[in-house]
Amino acid sequence: MDIRKVFGANVRRYRLAAGLSQEAVAERMGVDRAYISSIERGGQNATLLTIWQAAQALKTMPAELLAPGTAAAESGPLMRSRPKPTGPRTGKRSSRSSGQA
């Protein structure tokens, strides 16, 4: 589970629901607007203090910002895995009995 993506998607969802700009949230948290942008993209490894400050700025509980299952957080896979093959299996040679190449 990429919790950074879940946290970022939830921060964005709560920010938009509150009608706030990234700048307004950043001001409430005492951070730069670019930091909020990076959080929302899932590019920041937020500390407990940052999670608490974001929750306070958005008037919600920290657990709400960490909960998977929102529409925004479900847009991508929660687990990083290889894509499933869509075509015939590769890596194995098939034996053809007809002798054709």
PDB file of N, CA and C in Angstrom:
ATOM      1  N   MET A   1       0.850  -1.175   0.000  1.00  0.00           N
ATOM      2  CA  MET A   1       0.000   0.000   0.000  1.00  0.00           C
ATOM      3  C   MET A   1       0.894   1.235   0.000  1.00  0.00           C
ATOM      4  N   ASP A   2       0.675   2.131  -0.912  1.00  0.00           N
ATOM      5  CA  ASP A   2       1.426   3.381  -0.917  1.00  0.00           C
ATOM      6  C   ASP A   2       0.623   4.413  -0.131  1.00  0.00           C
ATOM      7  N   ILE A   3       0.904   4.467   1.147  1.00  0.00           N
ATOM      8  CA  ILE A   3       0.147   5.332   2.050  1.00  0.00           C
ATOM      9  C   ILE A   3       0.333   6.808   1.701  1.00  0.00           C
ATOM     10  N   ARG A   4       1.449   7.151   1.055  1.00  0.00           N
ATOM     11  CA  ARG A   4       1.659   8.552   0.649  1.00  0.00           C
ATOM     12  C   ARG A   4       0.621   8.979  -0.377  1.00  0.00           C
ATOM     13  N   LYS A   5       0.273   8.078  -1.296  1.00  0.00           N
ATOM     14  CA  LYS A   5      -0.755   8.388  -2.306  1.00  0.00           C
ATOM     15  C   LYS A   5      -2.126   8.494  -1.655  1.00  0.00           C
ATOM     16  N   VAL A   6      -2.417   7.588  -0.717  1.00  0.00           N
ATOM     17  CA  VAL A   6      -3.698   7.622   0.002  1.00  0.00           C
ATOM     18  C   VAL A   6      -3.818   8.925   0.785  1.00  0.00           C
ATOM     19  N   PHE A   7      -2.770   9.260   1.539  1.00  0.00           N
ATOM     20  CA  PHE A   7      -2.770  10.493   2.333  1.00  0.00           C
ATOM     21  C   PHE A   7      -2.937  11.714   1.430  1.00  0.00           C
ATOM     22  N   GLY A   8      -2.176  11.766   0.346  1.00  0.00           N
ATOM     23  CA  GLY A   8      -2.252  12.897  -0.564  1.00  0.00           C
ATOM     24  C   GLY A   8      -3.618  13.062  -1.211  1.00  0.00           C
ATOM     25  N   ALA A   9      -4.202  11.939  -1.632  1.00  0.00           N
ATOM     26  CA  ALA A   9      -5.530  11.989  -2.251  1.00  0.00           C
ATOM     27  C   ALA A   9      -6.574  12.463  -1.246  1.00  0.00           C
ATOM     28  N   ASN A  10      -6.445  12.022  -0.013  1.00  0.00           N
ATOM     29  CA  ASN A  10      -7.402  12.447   1.016  1.00  0.00           C
ATOM     30  C   ASN A  10      -7.220  13.910   1.390  1.00  0.00           C
ATOM     31  N   VAL A  11      -5.979  14.378   1.460  1.00  0.00           N
ATOM     32  CA  VAL A  11      -5.742  15.805   1.731  1.00  0.00           C
ATOM     33  C   VAL A  11      -6.401  16.636   0.633  1.00  0.00           C
ATOM     34  N   ARG A  12      -6.201  16.242  -0.603  1.00  0.00           N
ATOM     35  CA  ARG A  12      -6.793  16.984  -1.724  1.00  0.00           C
ATOM     36  C   ARG A  12      -8.323  16.952  -1.652  1.00  0.00           C
ATOM     37  N   ARG A  13      -8.880  15.775  -1.366  1.00  0.00           N
ATOM     38  CA  ARG A  13     -10.338  15.636  -1.297  1.00  0.00           C
ATOM     39  C   ARG A  13     -10.923  16.528  -0.203  1.00  0.00           C
ATOM     40  N   TYR A  14     -10.323  16.505   0.985  1.00  0.00           N
ATOM     41  CA  TYR A  14     -10.826  17.331   2.088  1.00  0.00           C
ATOM     42  C   TYR A  14     -10.593  18.821   1.808  1.00  0.00           C
ATOM     43  N   ARG A  15      -9.464  19.153   1.169  1.00  0.00           N
ATOM     44  CA  ARG A  15      -9.189  20.556   0.847  1.00  0.00           C
ATOM     45  C   ARG A  15     -10.233  21.098  -0.129  1.00  0.00           C
ATOM     46  N   LEU A  16     -10.512  20.336  -1.172  1.00  0.00           N
ATOM     47  CA  LEU A  16     -11.500  20.783  -2.157  1.00  0.00           C
ATOM     48  C   LEU A  16     -12.903  20.847  -1.556  1.00  0.00           C
ATOM     49  N   ALA A  17     -13.229  19.880  -0.694  1.00  0.00           N
ATOM     50  CA  ALA A  17     -14.544  19.885  -0.039  1.00  0.00           C
ATOM     51  C   ALA A  17     -14.714  21.112   0.854  1.00  0.00           C
ATOM     52  N   ALA A  18     -13.603  21.580   1.435  1.00  0.00           N
ATOM     53  CA  ALA A  18     -13.656  22.759   2.296  1.00  0.00           C
ATOM     54  C   ALA A  18     -13.565  24.054   1.493  1.00  0.00           C
ATOM     55  N   GLY A  19     -13.348  23.937   0.186  1.00  0.00           N
ATOM     56  CA  GLY A  19     -13.244  25.127  -0.655  1.00  0.00           C
ATOM     57  C   GLY A  19     -11.974  25.916  -0.418  1.00  0.00           C
ATOM     58  N   LEU A  20     -10.910  25.223  -0.050  1.00  0.00           N
ATOM     59  CA  LEU A  20      -9.648  25.890   0.256  1.00  0.00           C
ATOM     60  C   LEU A  20      -8.640  25.707  -0.870  1.00  0.00           C
ATOM     61  N   SER A  21      -7.780  26.697  -1.043  1.00  0.00           N
ATOM     62  CA  SER A  21      -6.677  26.578  -1.992  1.00  0.00           C
ATOM     63  C   SER A  21      -5.504  25.890  -1.285  1.00  0.00           C
ATOM     64  N   GLN A  22      -4.547  25.433  -2.084  1.00  0.00           N
ATOM     65  CA  GLN A  22      -3.336  24.864  -1.487  1.00  0.00           C
ATOM     66  C   GLN A  22      -2.633  25.921  -0.641  1.00  0.00           C
ATOM     67  N   GLU A  23      -2.662  27.144  -1.100  1.00  0.00           N
ATOM     68  CA  GLU A  23      -2.028  28.233  -0.359  1.00  0.00           C
ATOM     69  C   GLU A  23      -2.688  28.450   1.002  1.00  0.00           C
ATOM     70  N   ALA A  24      -4.015  28.366   1.040  1.00  0.00           N
ATOM     71  CA  ALA A  24      -4.720  28.554   2.314  1.00  0.00           C
ATOM     72  C   ALA A  24      -4.385  27.439   3.302  1.00  0.00           C
ATOM     73  N   VAL A  25      -4.323  26.212   2.818  1.00  0.00           N
ATOM     74  CA  VAL A  25      -3.966  25.086   3.694  1.00  0.00           C
ATOM     75  C   VAL A  25      -2.528  25.237   4.165  1.00  0.00           C
ATOM     76  N   ALA A  26      -1.640  25.613   3.249  1.00  0.00           N
ATOM     77  CA  ALA A  26      -0.235  25.807   3.607  1.00  0.00           C
ATOM     78  C   ALA A  26      -0.083  26.876   4.689  1.00  0.00           C
ATOM     79  N   GLU A  27      -0.845  27.954   4.554  1.00  0.00           N
ATOM     80  CA  GLU A  27      -0.782  29.026   5.545  1.00  0.00           C
ATOM     81  C   GLU A  27      -1.251  28.528   6.909  1.00  0.00           C
ATOM     82  N   ARG A  28      -2.326  27.760   6.927  1.00  0.00           N
ATOM     83  CA  ARG A  28      -2.831  27.208   8.192  1.00  0.00           C
ATOM     84  C   ARG A  28      -1.830  26.262   8.841  1.00  0.00           C
ATOM     85  N   MET A  29      -1.063  25.543   7.992  1.00  0.00           N
ATOM     86  CA  MET A  29      -0.090  24.580   8.507  1.00  0.00           C
ATOM     87  C   MET A  29       1.274  25.203   8.787  1.00  0.00           C
ATOM     88  N   GLY A  30       1.512  26.398   8.246  1.00  0.00           N
ATOM     89  CA  GLY A  30       2.809  27.039   8.419  1.00  0.00           C
ATOM     90  C   GLY A  30       3.878  26.452   7.516  1.00  0.00           C
ATOM     91  N   VAL A  31       3.473  26.010   6.317  1.00  0.00           N
ATOM     92  CA  VAL A  31       4.410  25.440   5.351  1.00  0.00           C
ATOM     93  C   VAL A  31       4.241  26.154   4.015  1.00  0.00           C
ATOM     94  N   ASP A  32       5.077  25.809   3.056  1.00  0.00           N
ATOM     95  CA  ASP A  32       5.010  26.404   1.725  1.00  0.00           C
ATOM     96  C   ASP A  32       3.936  25.711   0.886  1.00  0.00           C
ATOM     97  N   ARG A  33       3.336  26.451  -0.063  1.00  0.00           N
ATOM     98  CA  ARG A  33       2.317  25.880  -0.928  1.00  0.00           C
ATOM     99  C   ARG A  33       2.846  24.701  -1.730  1.00  0.00           C
ATOM    100  N   ALA A  34       4.101  24.768  -2.154  1.00  0.00           N
ATOM    101  CA  ALA A  34       4.703  23.680  -2.934  1.00  0.00           C
ATOM    102  C   ALA A  34       4.741  22.376  -2.123  1.00  0.00           C
ATOM    103  N   TYR A  35       4.874  22.496  -0.815  1.00  0.00           N
ATOM    104  CA  TYR A  35       4.866  21.310   0.048  1.00  0.00           C
ATOM    105  C   TYR A  35       3.491  20.640   0.024  1.00  0.00           C
ATOM    106  N   ILE A  36       2.427  21.417   0.040  1.00  0.00           N
ATOM    107  CA  ILE A  36       1.069  20.865  -0.038  1.00  0.00           C
ATOM    108  C   ILE A  36       0.870  20.193  -1.387  1.00  0.00           C
ATOM    109  N   SER A  37       1.350  20.823  -2.436  1.00  0.00           N
ATOM    110  CA  SER A  37       1.259  20.232  -3.773  1.00  0.00           C
ATOM    111  C   SER A  37       1.965  18.878  -3.812  1.00  0.00           C
ATOM    112  N   SER A  38       3.138  18.805  -3.230  1.00  0.00           N
ATOM    113  CA  SER A  38       3.903  17.557  -3.202  1.00  0.00           C
ATOM    114  C   SER A  38       3.194  16.487  -2.366  1.00  0.00           C
ATOM    115  N   ILE A  39       2.596  16.889  -1.258  1.00  0.00           N
ATOM    116  CA  ILE A  39       1.819  15.947  -0.436  1.00  0.00           C
ATOM    117  C   ILE A  39       0.681  15.372  -1.258  1.00  0.00           C
ATOM    118  N   GLU A  40      -0.056  16.237  -1.935  1.00  0.00           N
ATOM    119  CA  GLU A  40      -1.224  15.787  -2.707  1.00  0.00           C
ATOM    120  C   GLU A  40      -0.835  14.861  -3.855  1.00  0.00           C
ATOM    121  N   ARG A  41       0.362  15.002  -4.377  1.00  0.00           N
ATOM    122  CA  ARG A  41       0.837  14.104  -5.435  1.00  0.00           C
ATOM    123  C   ARG A  41       1.394  12.801  -4.867  1.00  0.00           C
ATOM    124  N   GLY A  42       1.499  12.705  -3.559  1.00  0.00           N
ATOM    125  CA  GLY A  42       2.054  11.500  -2.939  1.00  0.00           C
ATOM    126  C   GLY A  42       3.562  11.493  -2.931  1.00  0.00           C
ATOM    127  N   GLY A  43       4.161  12.665  -3.048  1.00  0.00           N
ATOM    128  CA  GLY A  43       5.615  12.758  -3.118  1.00  0.00           C
ATOM    129  C   GLY A  43       6.305  13.030  -1.800  1.00  0.00           C
ATOM    130  N   GLN A  44       5.551  13.173  -0.731  1.00  0.00           N
ATOM    131  CA  GLN A  44       6.150  13.465   0.575  1.00  0.00           C
ATOM    132  C   GLN A  44       5.908  12.325   1.546  1.00  0.00           C
ATOM    133  N   ASN A  45       6.922  12.022   2.298  1.00  0.00           N
ATOM    134  CA  ASN A  45       6.820  11.041   3.367  1.00  0.00           C
ATOM    135  C   ASN A  45       6.490  11.830   4.638  1.00  0.00           C
ATOM    136  N   ALA A  46       5.218  12.082   4.870  1.00  0.00           N
ATOM    137  CA  ALA A  46       4.778  12.980   5.937  1.00  0.00           C
ATOM    138  C   ALA A  46       5.071  12.414   7.322  1.00  0.00           C
ATOM    139  N   THR A  47       5.462  13.306   8.214  1.00  0.00           N
ATOM    140  CA  THR A  47       5.685  12.926   9.608  1.00  0.00           C
ATOM    141  C   THR A  47       4.349  12.946  10.352  1.00  0.00           C
ATOM    142  N   LEU A  48       4.362  12.415  11.561  1.00  0.00           N
ATOM    143  CA  LEU A  48       3.145  12.455  12.391  1.00  0.00           C
ATOM    144  C   LEU A  48       2.708  13.896  12.635  1.00  0.00           C
ATOM    145  N   LEU A  49       3.666  14.779  12.834  1.00  0.00           N
ATOM    146  CA  LEU A  49       3.341  16.184  13.059  1.00  0.00           C
ATOM    147  C   LEU A  49       2.675  16.799  11.825  1.00  0.00           C
ATOM    148  N   THR A  50       3.185  16.468  10.642  1.00  0.00           N
ATOM    149  CA  THR A  50       2.591  16.973   9.405  1.00  0.00           C
ATOM    150  C   THR A  50       1.174  16.449   9.221  1.00  0.00           C
ATOM    151  N   ILE A  51       0.967  15.177   9.512  1.00  0.00           N
ATOM    152  CA  ILE A  51      -0.376  14.584   9.403  1.00  0.00           C
ATOM    153  C   ILE A  51      -1.326  15.291  10.370  1.00  0.00           C
ATOM    154  N   TRP A  52      -0.860  15.534  11.589  1.00  0.00           N
ATOM    155  CA  TRP A  52      -1.684  16.229  12.589  1.00  0.00           C
ATOM    156  C   TRP A  52      -1.997  17.659  12.129  1.00  0.00           C
ATOM    157  N   GLN A  53      -0.999  18.368  11.627  1.00  0.00           N
ATOM    158  CA  GLN A  53      -1.209  19.745  11.169  1.00  0.00           C
ATOM    159  C   GLN A  53      -2.183  19.790   9.988  1.00  0.00           C
ATOM    160  N   ALA A  54      -2.066  18.844   9.074  1.00  0.00           N
ATOM    161  CA  ALA A  54      -2.975  18.793   7.926  1.00  0.00           C
ATOM    162  C   ALA A  54      -4.401  18.543   8.400  1.00  0.00           C
ATOM    163  N   ALA A  55      -4.562  17.626   9.341  1.00  0.00           N
ATOM    164  CA  ALA A  55      -5.896  17.332   9.872  1.00  0.00           C
ATOM    165  C   ALA A  55      -6.491  18.566  10.556  1.00  0.00           C
ATOM    166  N   GLN A  56      -5.674  19.280  11.320  1.00  0.00           N
ATOM    167  CA  GLN A  56      -6.153  20.490  11.980  1.00  0.00           C
ATOM    168  C   GLN A  56      -6.535  21.557  10.952  1.00  0.00           C
ATOM    169  N   ALA A  57      -5.719  21.718   9.934  1.00  0.00           N
ATOM    170  CA  ALA A  57      -5.986  22.717   8.900  1.00  0.00           C
ATOM    171  C   ALA A  57      -7.258  22.399   8.125  1.00  0.00           C
ATOM    172  N   LEU A  58      -7.550  21.105   7.972  1.00  0.00           N
ATOM    173  CA  LEU A  58      -8.719  20.678   7.201  1.00  0.00           C
ATOM    174  C   LEU A  58      -9.919  20.346   8.090  1.00  0.00           C
ATOM    175  N   LYS A  59      -9.760  20.556   9.398  1.00  0.00           N
ATOM    176  CA  LYS A  59     -10.828  20.330  10.372  1.00  0.00           C
ATOM    177  C   LYS A  59     -11.390  18.910  10.291  1.00  0.00           C
ATOM    178  N   THR A  60     -10.475  17.951  10.359  1.00  0.00           N
ATOM    179  CA  THR A  60     -10.849  16.537  10.356  1.00  0.00           C
ATOM    180  C   THR A  60      -9.906  15.794  11.286  1.00  0.00           C
ATOM    181  N   MET A  61     -10.112  14.518  11.422  1.00  0.00           N
ATOM    182  CA  MET A  61      -9.253  13.680  12.258  1.00  0.00           C
ATOM    183  C   MET A  61      -8.116  13.108  11.408  1.00  0.00           C
ATOM    184  N   PRO A  62      -6.930  12.933  11.996  1.00  0.00           N
ATOM    185  CA  PRO A  62      -5.815  12.361  11.235  1.00  0.00           C
ATOM    186  C   PRO A  62      -6.158  11.012  10.590  1.00  0.00           C
ATOM    187  N   ALA A  63      -6.926  10.201  11.271  1.00  0.00           N
ATOM    188  CA  ALA A  63      -7.279   8.882  10.723  1.00  0.00           C
ATOM    189  C   ALA A  63      -8.045   8.998   9.410  1.00  0.00           C
ATOM    190  N   GLU A  64      -8.831  10.056   9.261  1.00  0.00           N
ATOM    191  CA  GLU A  64      -9.582  10.262   8.022  1.00  0.00           C
ATOM    192  C   GLU A  64      -8.644  10.503   6.839  1.00  0.00           C
ATOM    193  N   LEU A  65      -7.508  11.113   7.106  1.00  0.00           N
ATOM    194  CA  LEU A  65      -6.559  11.400   6.035  1.00  0.00           C
ATOM    195  C   LEU A  65      -5.716  10.177   5.660  1.00  0.00           C
ATOM    196  N   LEU A  66      -5.740   9.173   6.523  1.00  0.00           N
ATOM    197  CA  LEU A  66      -4.949   7.962   6.272  1.00  0.00           C
ATOM    198  C   LEU A  66      -5.793   6.781   5.819  1.00  0.00           C
ATOM    199  N   ALA A  67      -7.097   6.969   5.764  1.00  0.00           N
ATOM    200  CA  ALA A  67      -8.003   5.864   5.449  1.00  0.00           C
ATOM    201  C   ALA A  67      -8.094   5.623   3.947  1.00  0.00           C
ATOM    202  N   PRO A  68      -7.737   4.400   3.509  1.00  0.00           N
ATOM    203  CA  PRO A  68      -7.936   4.077   2.090  1.00  0.00           C
ATOM    204  C   PRO A  68      -9.418   3.876   1.803  1.00  0.00           C
ATOM    205  N   GLY A  69      -9.769   3.898   0.535  1.00  0.00           N
ATOM    206  CA  GLY A  69     -11.154   3.608   0.192  1.00  0.00           C
ATOM    207  C   GLY A  69     -11.923   4.781  -0.349  1.00  0.00           C
ATOM    208  N   THR A  70     -11.291   5.962  -0.411  1.00  0.00           N
ATOM    209  CA  THR A  70     -11.989   7.092  -1.013  1.00  0.00           C
ATOM    210  C   THR A  70     -11.896   6.968  -2.519  1.00  0.00           C
ATOM    211  N   ALA A  71     -12.754   7.641  -3.228  1.00  0.00           N
ATOM    212  CA  ALA A  71     -12.749   7.575  -4.693  1.00  0.00           C
ATOM    213  C   ALA A  71     -11.405   8.024  -5.245  1.00  0.00           C
ATOM    214  N   ALA A  72     -10.831   9.054  -4.673  1.00  0.00           N
ATOM    215  CA  ALA A  72      -9.550   9.551  -5.168  1.00  0.00           C
ATOM    216  C   ALA A  72      -8.431   8.554  -4.910  1.00  0.00           C
ATOM    217  N   ALA A  73      -8.454   7.921  -3.756  1.00  0.00           N
ATOM    218  CA  ALA A  73      -7.395   6.978  -3.424  1.00  0.00           C
ATOM    219  C   ALA A  73      -7.534   5.676  -4.189  1.00  0.00           C
ATOM    220  N   GLU A  74      -8.731   5.350  -4.649  1.00  0.00           N
ATOM    221  CA  GLU A  74      -8.935   4.098  -5.359  1.00  0.00           C
ATOM    222  C   GLU A  74      -8.611   4.185  -6.842  1.00  0.00           C
ATOM    223  N   SER A  75      -8.214   5.362  -7.307  1.00  0.00           N
ATOM    224  CA  SER A  75      -7.955   5.504  -8.729  1.00  0.00           C
ATOM    225  C   SER A  75      -6.756   4.695  -9.187  1.00  0.00           C
ATOM    226  N   GLY A  76      -5.874   4.348  -8.279  1.00  0.00           N
ATOM    227  CA  GLY A  76      -4.719   3.522  -8.623  1.00  0.00           C
ATOM    228  C   GLY A  76      -4.625   2.344  -7.680  1.00  0.00           C
ATOM    229  N   PRO A  77      -3.778   1.371  -7.992  1.00  0.00           N
ATOM    230  CA  PRO A  77      -3.656   0.211  -7.121  1.00  0.00           C
ATOM    231  C   PRO A  77      -3.007   0.588  -5.797  1.00  0.00           C
ATOM    232  N   LEU A  78      -3.446  -0.041  -4.732  1.00  0.00           N
ATOM    233  CA  LEU A  78      -2.848   0.215  -3.427  1.00  0.00           C
ATOM    234  C   LEU A  78      -1.557  -0.560  -3.247  1.00  0.00           C
ATOM    235  N   MET A  79      -1.433  -1.651  -3.966  1.00  0.00           N
ATOM    236  CA  MET A  79      -0.221  -2.452  -3.897  1.00  0.00           C
ATOM    237  C   MET A  79       0.572  -2.226  -5.175  1.00  0.00           C
ATOM    238  N   ARG A  80       1.854  -2.093  -5.042  1.00  0.00           N
ATOM    239  CA  ARG A  80       2.689  -1.983  -6.228  1.00  0.00           C
ATOM    240  C   ARG A  80       3.027  -3.398  -6.679  1.00  0.00           C
ATOM    241  N   SER A  81       2.627  -3.714  -7.866  1.00  0.00           N
ATOM    242  CA  SER A  81       2.916  -5.033  -8.402  1.00  0.00           C
ATOM    243  C   SER A  81       3.129  -4.916  -9.897  1.00  0.00           C
ATOM    244  N   ARG A  82       3.657  -5.978 -10.460  1.00  0.00           N
ATOM    245  CA  ARG A  82       3.843  -5.998 -11.905  1.00  0.00           C
ATOM    246  C   ARG A  82       2.501  -6.134 -12.588  1.00  0.00           C
ATOM    247  N   PRO A  83       2.364  -5.505 -13.748  1.00  0.00           N
ATOM    248  CA  PRO A  83       1.094  -5.666 -14.470  1.00  0.00           C
ATOM    249  C   PRO A  83       0.922  -7.100 -14.926  1.00  0.00           C
ATOM    250  N   LYS A  84      -0.301  -7.553 -14.951  1.00  0.00           N
ATOM    251  CA  LYS A  84      -0.580  -8.908 -15.397  1.00  0.00           C
ATOM    252  C   LYS A  84      -0.391  -8.985 -16.902  1.00  0.00           C
ATOM    253  N   PRO A  85       0.217 -10.076 -17.370  1.00  0.00           N
ATOM    254  CA  PRO A  85       0.404 -10.192 -18.823  1.00  0.00           C
ATOM    255  C   PRO A  85      -0.943 -10.320 -19.526  1.00  0.00           C
ATOM    256  N   THR A  86      -1.032  -9.676 -20.677  1.00  0.00           N
ATOM    257  CA  THR A  86      -2.286  -9.716 -21.421  1.00  0.00           C
ATOM    258  C   THR A  86      -2.214 -10.653 -22.615  1.00  0.00           C
ATOM    259  N   GLY A  87      -1.016 -10.936 -23.079  1.00  0.00           N
ATOM    260  CA  GLY A  87      -0.849 -11.796 -24.253  1.00  0.00           C
ATOM    261  C   GLY A  87      -0.423 -13.196 -23.849  1.00  0.00           C
ATOM    262  N   PRO A  88       0.072 -13.939 -24.809  1.00  0.00           N
ATOM    263  CA  PRO A  88       0.547 -15.291 -24.491  1.00  0.00           C
ATOM    264  C   PRO A  88       1.746 -15.219 -23.562  1.00  0.00           C
ATOM    265  N   ARG A  89       1.952 -16.277 -22.826  1.00  0.00           N
ATOM    266  CA  ARG A  89       3.066 -16.315 -21.886  1.00  0.00           C
ATOM    267  C   ARG A  89       4.381 -16.166 -22.618  1.00  0.00           C
ATOM    268  N   THR A  90       5.291 -15.458 -21.978  1.00  0.00           N
ATOM    269  CA  THR A  90       6.620 -15.297 -22.545  1.00  0.00           C
ATOM    270  C   THR A  90       7.614 -15.990 -21.644  1.00  0.00           C
ATOM    271  N   GLY A  91       8.771 -16.264 -22.199  1.00  0.00           N
ATOM    272  CA  GLY A  91       9.800 -16.890 -21.381  1.00  0.00           C
ATOM    273  C   GLY A  91       9.806 -18.400 -21.500  1.00  0.00           C
ATOM    274  N   LYS A  92       8.785 -18.984 -22.010  1.00  0.00           N
ATOM    275  CA  LYS A  92       8.732 -20.426 -22.206  1.00  0.00           C
ATOM    276  C   LYS A  92       8.682 -20.695 -23.700  1.00  0.00           C
ATOM    277  N   ARG A  93       9.440 -21.655 -24.113  1.00  0.00           N
ATOM    278  CA  ARG A  93       9.406 -22.023 -25.518  1.00  0.00           C
ATOM    279  C   ARG A  93       8.352 -23.088 -25.726  1.00  0.00           C
ATOM    280  N   SER A  94       7.592 -22.898 -26.740  1.00  0.00           N
ATOM    281  CA  SER A  94       6.576 -23.899 -27.040  1.00  0.00           C
ATOM    282  C   SER A  94       7.176 -24.927 -27.979  1.00  0.00           C
ATOM    283  N   SER A  95       6.803 -26.157 -27.774  1.00  0.00           N
ATOM    284  CA  SER A  95       7.287 -27.204 -28.669  1.00  0.00           C
ATOM    285  C   SER A  95       6.208 -27.449 -29.706  1.00  0.00           C
ATOM    286  N   ARG A  96       6.595 -27.267 -30.927  1.00  0.00           N
ATOM    287  CA  ARG A  96       5.643 -27.461 -32.017  1.00  0.00           C
ATOM    288  C   ARG A  96       5.908 -28.816 -32.647  1.00  0.00           C
ATOM    289  N   SER A  97       4.887 -29.611 -32.717  1.00  0.00           N
ATOM    290  CA  SER A  97       5.042 -30.936 -33.268  1.00  0.00           C
ATOM    291  C   SER A  97       5.041 -30.952 -34.775  1.00  0.00           C
ATOM    292  N   SER A  98       4.626 -29.868 -35.414  1.00  0.00           N
ATOM    293  CA  SER A  98       4.548 -29.840 -36.869  1.00  0.00           C
ATOM    294  C   SER A  98       5.894 -29.571 -37.521  1.00  0.00           C
ATOM    295  N   GLY A  99       6.879 -29.139 -36.719  1.00  0.00           N
ATOM    296  CA  GLY A  99       8.199 -28.895 -37.249  1.00  0.00           C
ATOM    297  C   GLY A  99       8.349 -27.561 -37.930  1.00  0.00           C
ATOM    298  N   GLN A 100       7.345 -26.703 -37.853  1.00  0.00           N
ATOM    299  CA  GLN A 100       7.436 -25.381 -38.452  1.00  0.00           C
ATOM    300  C   GLN A 100       8.139 -24.439 -37.505  1.00  0.00           C
ATOM    301  N   ALA A 101       8.839 -23.472 -38.044  1.00  0.00           N
ATOM    302  CA  ALA A 101       9.585 -22.526 -37.227  1.00  0.00           C
ATOM    303  C   ALA A 101       8.801 -21.326 -36.864  1.00  0.00           C
TER     304      ALA A 101
END
